[in-house]
Amino acid sequence: MNIHPGCIFVIYLTGMLTIKRKYLSWALFLLVGMGYFSSMSSLELNYFFKSLIAIMPIQVVAIIYTTYLRWSRS
């Protein structure tokens, strides 16, 4: 059975596009997380306020997610 090298490349490229998109998403999330950690570390705030600000993005994402789930069911 002879398989043309071009066919193998197309199959490889198709598989790599889905894998590449996933890794690009993770890389973007990693960069955003590193930027957020860096900016939070450099803030000169009271420890209590800094901890409140650090948790705020997680709370916002949770509210958006639960709102989306509720509206998608109706």
PDB file of N, CA and C in Angstrom:
ATOM      1  N   MET A   1       0.851  -1.173   0.000  1.00  0.00           N
ATOM      2  CA  MET A   1       0.000   0.000   0.000  1.00  0.00           C
ATOM      3  C   MET A   1       0.895   1.234   0.000  1.00  0.00           C
ATOM      4  N   ASN A   2       0.780   2.044  -1.023  1.00  0.00           N
ATOM      5  CA  ASN A   2       1.544   3.279  -1.135  1.00  0.00           C
ATOM      6  C   ASN A   2       0.666   4.462  -0.744  1.00  0.00           C
ATOM      7  N   ILE A   3       1.154   5.247   0.177  1.00  0.00           N
ATOM      8  CA  ILE A   3       0.460   6.476   0.574  1.00  0.00           C
ATOM      9  C   ILE A   3       1.315   7.639   0.125  1.00  0.00           C
ATOM     10  N   HIS A   4       0.678   8.545  -0.573  1.00  0.00           N
ATOM     11  CA  HIS A   4       1.390   9.711  -1.086  1.00  0.00           C
ATOM     12  C   HIS A   4       1.835  10.584   0.084  1.00  0.00           C
ATOM     13  N   PRO A   5       3.076  11.098   0.053  1.00  0.00           N
ATOM     14  CA  PRO A   5       3.551  11.944   1.158  1.00  0.00           C
ATOM     15  C   PRO A   5       2.686  13.181   1.373  1.00  0.00           C
ATOM     16  N   GLY A   6       2.056  13.672   0.319  1.00  0.00           N
ATOM     17  CA  GLY A   6       1.178  14.839   0.469  1.00  0.00           C
ATOM     18  C   GLY A   6      -0.028  14.530   1.329  1.00  0.00           C
ATOM     19  N   CYS A   7      -0.559  13.314   1.208  1.00  0.00           N
ATOM     20  CA  CYS A   7      -1.702  12.904   2.022  1.00  0.00           C
ATOM     21  C   CYS A   7      -1.320  12.846   3.498  1.00  0.00           C
ATOM     22  N   ILE A   8      -0.145  12.325   3.765  1.00  0.00           N
ATOM     23  CA  ILE A   8       0.325  12.247   5.152  1.00  0.00           C
ATOM     24  C   ILE A   8       0.482  13.648   5.729  1.00  0.00           C
ATOM     25  N   PHE A   9       0.984  14.581   4.918  1.00  0.00           N
ATOM     26  CA  PHE A   9       1.156  15.955   5.379  1.00  0.00           C
ATOM     27  C   PHE A   9      -0.189  16.607   5.675  1.00  0.00           C
ATOM     28  N   VAL A  10      -1.195  16.362   4.819  1.00  0.00           N
ATOM     29  CA  VAL A  10      -2.526  16.943   5.041  1.00  0.00           C
ATOM     30  C   VAL A  10      -3.148  16.385   6.318  1.00  0.00           C
ATOM     31  N   ILE A  11      -3.010  15.089   6.542  1.00  0.00           N
ATOM     32  CA  ILE A  11      -3.543  14.483   7.761  1.00  0.00           C
ATOM     33  C   ILE A  11      -2.815  15.043   8.982  1.00  0.00           C
ATOM     34  N   TYR A  12      -1.508  15.171   8.877  1.00  0.00           N
ATOM     35  CA  TYR A  12      -0.716  15.731   9.974  1.00  0.00           C
ATOM     36  C   TYR A  12      -1.114  17.178  10.246  1.00  0.00           C
ATOM     37  N   LEU A  13      -1.276  17.956   9.176  1.00  0.00           N
ATOM     38  CA  LEU A  13      -1.614  19.367   9.319  1.00  0.00           C
ATOM     39  C   LEU A  13      -3.001  19.536   9.921  1.00  0.00           C
ATOM     40  N   THR A  14      -3.956  18.720   9.514  1.00  0.00           N
ATOM     41  CA  THR A  14      -5.304  18.794  10.064  1.00  0.00           C
ATOM     42  C   THR A  14      -5.301  18.479  11.558  1.00  0.00           C
ATOM     43  N   GLY A  15      -4.562  17.464  11.950  1.00  0.00           N
ATOM     44  CA  GLY A  15      -4.460  17.132  13.368  1.00  0.00           C
ATOM     45  C   GLY A  15      -3.730  18.200  14.149  1.00  0.00           C
ATOM     46  N   MET A  16      -2.730  18.799  13.555  1.00  0.00           N
ATOM     47  CA  MET A  16      -1.949  19.823  14.244  1.00  0.00           C
ATOM     48  C   MET A  16      -2.749  21.104  14.436  1.00  0.00           C
ATOM     49  N   LEU A  17      -3.680  21.411  13.524  1.00  0.00           N
ATOM     50  CA  LEU A  17      -4.466  22.633  13.681  1.00  0.00           C
ATOM     51  C   LEU A  17      -5.347  22.564  14.918  1.00  0.00           C
ATOM     52  N   THR A  18      -5.951  21.417  15.185  1.00  0.00           N
ATOM     53  CA  THR A  18      -6.770  21.314  16.389  1.00  0.00           C
ATOM     54  C   THR A  18      -5.903  21.317  17.636  1.00  0.00           C
ATOM     55  N   ILE A  19      -4.784  20.645  17.579  1.00  0.00           N
ATOM     56  CA  ILE A  19      -3.871  20.645  18.730  1.00  0.00           C
ATOM     57  C   ILE A  19      -3.270  22.036  18.915  1.00  0.00           C
ATOM     58  N   LYS A  20      -2.920  22.684  17.827  1.00  0.00           N
ATOM     59  CA  LYS A  20      -2.306  24.002  17.913  1.00  0.00           C
ATOM     60  C   LYS A  20      -3.274  25.016  18.510  1.00  0.00           C
ATOM     61  N   ARG A  21      -4.550  24.958  18.119  1.00  0.00           N
ATOM     62  CA  ARG A  21      -5.535  25.887  18.664  1.00  0.00           C
ATOM     63  C   ARG A  21      -5.680  25.695  20.168  1.00  0.00           C
ATOM     64  N   LYS A  22      -5.656  24.449  20.619  1.00  0.00           N
ATOM     65  CA  LYS A  22      -5.764  24.163  22.053  1.00  0.00           C
ATOM     66  C   LYS A  22      -4.556  24.710  22.805  1.00  0.00           C
ATOM     67  N   TYR A  23      -3.361  24.478  22.265  1.00  0.00           N
ATOM     68  CA  TYR A  23      -2.159  24.975  22.926  1.00  0.00           C
ATOM     69  C   TYR A  23      -2.067  26.497  22.882  1.00  0.00           C
ATOM     70  N   LEU A  24      -2.561  27.109  21.816  1.00  0.00           N
ATOM     71  CA  LEU A  24      -2.572  28.568  21.759  1.00  0.00           C
ATOM     72  C   LEU A  24      -3.512  29.140  22.811  1.00  0.00           C
ATOM     73  N   SER A  25      -4.634  28.482  23.034  1.00  0.00           N
ATOM     74  CA  SER A  25      -5.555  28.939  24.079  1.00  0.00           C
ATOM     75  C   SER A  25      -4.896  28.833  25.450  1.00  0.00           C
ATOM     76  N   TRP A  26      -4.237  27.700  25.706  1.00  0.00           N
ATOM     77  CA  TRP A  26      -3.553  27.536  26.996  1.00  0.00           C
ATOM     78  C   TRP A  26      -2.428  28.555  27.158  1.00  0.00           C
ATOM     79  N   ALA A  27      -1.710  28.827  26.073  1.00  0.00           N
ATOM     80  CA  ALA A  27      -0.625  29.814  26.142  1.00  0.00           C
ATOM     81  C   ALA A  27      -1.184  31.204  26.439  1.00  0.00           C
ATOM     82  N   LEU A  28      -2.327  31.535  25.835  1.00  0.00           N
ATOM     83  CA  LEU A  28      -2.947  32.828  26.095  1.00  0.00           C
ATOM     84  C   LEU A  28      -3.391  32.926  27.551  1.00  0.00           C
ATOM     85  N   PHE A  29      -4.036  31.876  28.067  1.00  0.00           N
ATOM     86  CA  PHE A  29      -4.450  31.876  29.473  1.00  0.00           C
ATOM     87  C   PHE A  29      -3.244  31.967  30.411  1.00  0.00           C
ATOM     88  N   LEU A  30      -2.153  31.304  30.046  1.00  0.00           N
ATOM     89  CA  LEU A  30      -0.941  31.355  30.859  1.00  0.00           C
ATOM     90  C   LEU A  30      -0.367  32.772  30.891  1.00  0.00           C
ATOM     91  N   LEU A  31      -0.322  33.426  29.734  1.00  0.00           N
ATOM     92  CA  LEU A  31       0.198  34.785  29.692  1.00  0.00           C
ATOM     93  C   LEU A  31      -0.680  35.758  30.477  1.00  0.00           C
ATOM     94  N   VAL A  32      -1.992  35.613  30.361  1.00  0.00           N
ATOM     95  CA  VAL A  32      -2.899  36.480  31.121  1.00  0.00           C
ATOM     96  C   VAL A  32      -2.733  36.235  32.616  1.00  0.00           C
ATOM     97  N   GLY A  33      -2.610  34.975  33.012  1.00  0.00           N
ATOM     98  CA  GLY A  33      -2.415  34.658  34.420  1.00  0.00           C
ATOM     99  C   GLY A  33      -1.102  35.191  34.967  1.00  0.00           C
ATOM    100  N   MET A  34      -0.059  35.074  34.166  1.00  0.00           N
ATOM    101  CA  MET A  34       1.241  35.598  34.603  1.00  0.00           C
ATOM    102  C   MET A  34       1.202  37.124  34.717  1.00  0.00           C
ATOM    103  N   GLY A  35       0.539  37.774  33.778  1.00  0.00           N
ATOM    104  CA  GLY A  35       0.417  39.233  33.850  1.00  0.00           C
ATOM    105  C   GLY A  35      -0.385  39.663  35.062  1.00  0.00           C
ATOM    106  N   TYR A  36      -1.458  38.941  35.341  1.00  0.00           N
ATOM    107  CA  TYR A  36      -2.283  39.270  36.505  1.00  0.00           C
ATOM    108  C   TYR A  36      -1.501  39.048  37.794  1.00  0.00           C
ATOM    109  N   PHE A  37      -0.775  37.938  37.880  1.00  0.00           N
ATOM    110  CA  PHE A  37       0.025  37.671  39.074  1.00  0.00           C
ATOM    111  C   PHE A  37       1.098  38.743  39.257  1.00  0.00           C
ATOM    112  N   SER A  38       1.727  39.136  38.156  1.00  0.00           N
ATOM    113  CA  SER A  38       2.766  40.161  38.237  1.00  0.00           C
ATOM    114  C   SER A  38       2.193  41.499  38.698  1.00  0.00           C
ATOM    115  N   SER A  39       1.045  41.868  38.142  1.00  0.00           N
ATOM    116  CA  SER A  39       0.456  43.151  38.538  1.00  0.00           C
ATOM    117  C   SER A  39      -0.041  43.111  39.981  1.00  0.00           C
ATOM    118  N   MET A  40      -0.569  41.963  40.408  1.00  0.00           N
ATOM    119  CA  MET A  40      -1.019  41.857  41.798  1.00  0.00           C
ATOM    120  C   MET A  40       0.165  41.872  42.769  1.00  0.00           C
ATOM    121  N   SER A  41       1.279  41.318  42.352  1.00  0.00           N
ATOM    122  CA  SER A  41       2.439  41.283  43.231  1.00  0.00           C
ATOM    123  C   SER A  41       3.053  42.663  43.422  1.00  0.00           C
ATOM    124  N   SER A  42       2.918  43.501  42.412  1.00  0.00           N
ATOM    125  CA  SER A  42       3.553  44.820  42.499  1.00  0.00           C
ATOM    126  C   SER A  42       2.667  45.875  43.146  1.00  0.00           C
ATOM    127  N   LEU A  43       1.424  45.546  43.467  1.00  0.00           N
ATOM    128  CA  LEU A  43       0.537  46.517  44.108  1.00  0.00           C
ATOM    129  C   LEU A  43       0.962  46.759  45.551  1.00  0.00           C
ATOM    130  N   GLU A  44       0.931  48.009  45.942  1.00  0.00           N
ATOM    131  CA  GLU A  44       1.250  48.380  47.322  1.00  0.00           C
ATOM    132  C   GLU A  44      -0.057  48.642  48.058  1.00  0.00           C
ATOM    133  N   LEU A  45      -0.734  47.569  48.427  1.00  0.00           N
ATOM    134  CA  LEU A  45      -2.013  47.669  49.119  1.00  0.00           C
ATOM    135  C   LEU A  45      -1.973  46.885  50.415  1.00  0.00           C
ATOM    136  N   ASN A  46      -2.981  47.141  51.211  1.00  0.00           N
ATOM    137  CA  ASN A  46      -3.174  46.366  52.419  1.00  0.00           C
ATOM    138  C   ASN A  46      -3.407  44.905  52.028  1.00  0.00           C
ATOM    139  N   TYR A  47      -2.959  43.985  52.844  1.00  0.00           N
ATOM    140  CA  TYR A  47      -3.078  42.557  52.531  1.00  0.00           C
ATOM    141  C   TYR A  47      -4.532  42.138  52.344  1.00  0.00           C
ATOM    142  N   PHE A  48      -5.428  42.682  53.157  1.00  0.00           N
ATOM    143  CA  PHE A  48      -6.850  42.338  53.063  1.00  0.00           C
ATOM    144  C   PHE A  48      -7.414  42.767  51.714  1.00  0.00           C
ATOM    145  N   PHE A  49      -7.134  43.992  51.287  1.00  0.00           N
ATOM    146  CA  PHE A  49      -7.653  44.467  50.004  1.00  0.00           C
ATOM    147  C   PHE A  49      -7.017  43.730  48.826  1.00  0.00           C
ATOM    148  N   LYS A  50      -5.743  43.396  48.973  1.00  0.00           N
ATOM    149  CA  LYS A  50      -5.067  42.666  47.907  1.00  0.00           C
ATOM    150  C   LYS A  50      -5.684  41.271  47.729  1.00  0.00           C
ATOM    151  N   SER A  51      -6.052  40.635  48.820  1.00  0.00           N
ATOM    152  CA  SER A  51      -6.679  39.312  48.705  1.00  0.00           C
ATOM    153  C   SER A  51      -8.072  39.421  48.099  1.00  0.00           C
ATOM    154  N   LEU A  52      -8.803  40.491  48.401  1.00  0.00           N
ATOM    155  CA  LEU A  52     -10.117  40.682  47.788  1.00  0.00           C
ATOM    156  C   LEU A  52      -9.999  40.911  46.287  1.00  0.00           C
ATOM    157  N   ILE A  53      -9.030  41.709  45.883  1.00  0.00           N
ATOM    158  CA  ILE A  53      -8.835  41.988  44.462  1.00  0.00           C
ATOM    159  C   ILE A  53      -8.341  40.746  43.731  1.00  0.00           C
ATOM    160  N   ALA A  54      -7.576  39.915  44.393  1.00  0.00           N
ATOM    161  CA  ALA A  54      -7.055  38.704  43.751  1.00  0.00           C
ATOM    162  C   ALA A  54      -8.167  37.707  43.446  1.00  0.00           C
ATOM    163  N   ILE A  55      -9.206  37.645  44.280  1.00  0.00           N
ATOM    164  CA  ILE A  55     -10.292  36.686  44.097  1.00  0.00           C
ATOM    165  C   ILE A  55     -11.363  37.217  43.137  1.00  0.00           C
ATOM    166  N   MET A  56     -11.394  38.505  42.899  1.00  0.00           N
ATOM    167  CA  MET A  56     -12.456  39.108  42.105  1.00  0.00           C
ATOM    168  C   MET A  56     -12.611  38.520  40.689  1.00  0.00           C
ATOM    169  N   PRO A  57     -11.552  38.291  39.913  1.00  0.00           N
ATOM    170  CA  PRO A  57     -11.756  37.722  38.573  1.00  0.00           C
ATOM    171  C   PRO A  57     -12.388  36.331  38.601  1.00  0.00           C
ATOM    172  N   ILE A  58     -12.068  35.531  39.598  1.00  0.00           N
ATOM    173  CA  ILE A  58     -12.671  34.203  39.708  1.00  0.00           C
ATOM    174  C   ILE A  58     -14.161  34.331  39.976  1.00  0.00           C
ATOM    175  N   GLN A  59     -14.550  35.281  40.823  1.00  0.00           N
ATOM    176  CA  GLN A  59     -15.960  35.489  41.112  1.00  0.00           C
ATOM    177  C   GLN A  59     -16.714  35.990  39.882  1.00  0.00           C
ATOM    178  N   VAL A  60     -16.107  36.883  39.132  1.00  0.00           N
ATOM    179  CA  VAL A  60     -16.756  37.414  37.928  1.00  0.00           C
ATOM    180  C   VAL A  60     -16.963  36.310  36.901  1.00  0.00           C
ATOM    181  N   VAL A  61     -15.960  35.466  36.697  1.00  0.00           N
ATOM    182  CA  VAL A  61     -16.091  34.361  35.745  1.00  0.00           C
ATOM    183  C   VAL A  61     -17.162  33.384  36.217  1.00  0.00           C
ATOM    184  N   ALA A  62     -17.238  33.114  37.503  1.00  0.00           N
ATOM    185  CA  ALA A  62     -18.256  32.201  38.022  1.00  0.00           C
ATOM    186  C   ALA A  62     -19.659  32.767  37.828  1.00  0.00           C
ATOM    187  N   ILE A  63     -19.839  34.051  38.032  1.00  0.00           N
ATOM    188  CA  ILE A  63     -21.146  34.681  37.827  1.00  0.00           C
ATOM    189  C   ILE A  63     -21.537  34.642  36.357  1.00  0.00           C
ATOM    190  N   ILE A  64     -20.600  34.941  35.471  1.00  0.00           N
ATOM    191  CA  ILE A  64     -20.888  34.893  34.036  1.00  0.00           C
ATOM    192  C   ILE A  64     -21.238  33.472  33.613  1.00  0.00           C
ATOM    193  N   TYR A  65     -20.529  32.492  34.119  1.00  0.00           N
ATOM    194  CA  TYR A  65     -20.783  31.096  33.753  1.00  0.00           C
ATOM    195  C   TYR A  65     -22.152  30.630  34.227  1.00  0.00           C
ATOM    196  N   THR A  66     -22.502  30.922  35.478  1.00  0.00           N
ATOM    197  CA  THR A  66     -23.804  30.491  35.980  1.00  0.00           C
ATOM    198  C   THR A  66     -24.946  31.230  35.287  1.00  0.00           C
ATOM    199  N   THR A  67     -24.751  32.495  34.963  1.00  0.00           N
ATOM    200  CA  THR A  67     -25.765  33.239  34.221  1.00  0.00           C
ATOM    201  C   THR A  67     -25.945  32.660  32.829  1.00  0.00           C
ATOM    202  N   TYR A  68     -24.863  32.305  32.181  1.00  0.00           N
ATOM    203  CA  TYR A  68     -24.942  31.684  30.856  1.00  0.00           C
ATOM    204  C   TYR A  68     -25.677  30.352  30.910  1.00  0.00           C
ATOM    205  N   LEU A  69     -25.387  29.536  31.916  1.00  0.00           N
ATOM    206  CA  LEU A  69     -26.065  28.254  32.059  1.00  0.00           C
ATOM    207  C   LEU A  69     -27.557  28.440  32.286  1.00  0.00           C
ATOM    208  N   ARG A  70     -27.927  29.400  33.108  1.00  0.00           N
ATOM    209  CA  ARG A  70     -29.335  29.636  33.402  1.00  0.00           C
ATOM    210  C   ARG A  70     -30.071  30.121  32.157  1.00  0.00           C
ATOM    211  N   TRP A  71     -29.467  31.050  31.392  1.00  0.00           N
ATOM    212  CA  TRP A  71     -30.134  31.585  30.206  1.00  0.00           C
ATOM    213  C   TRP A  71     -30.169  30.562  29.070  1.00  0.00           C
ATOM    214  N   SER A  72     -29.192  29.679  28.993  1.00  0.00           N
ATOM    215  CA  SER A  72     -29.190  28.695  27.905  1.00  0.00           C
ATOM    216  C   SER A  72     -30.228  27.595  28.135  1.00  0.00           C
ATOM    217  N   ARG A  73     -30.636  27.367  29.379  1.00  0.00           N
ATOM    218  CA  ARG A  73     -31.661  26.353  29.672  1.00  0.00           C
ATOM    219  C   ARG A  73     -33.071  26.858  29.367  1.00  0.00           C
ATOM    220  N   SER A  74     -33.271  28.181  29.446  1.00  0.00           N
ATOM    221  CA  SER A  74     -34.619  28.700  29.215  1.00  0.00           C
ATOM    222  C   SER A  74     -34.944  28.817  27.748  1.00  0.00           C
TER     223      SER A  74
END
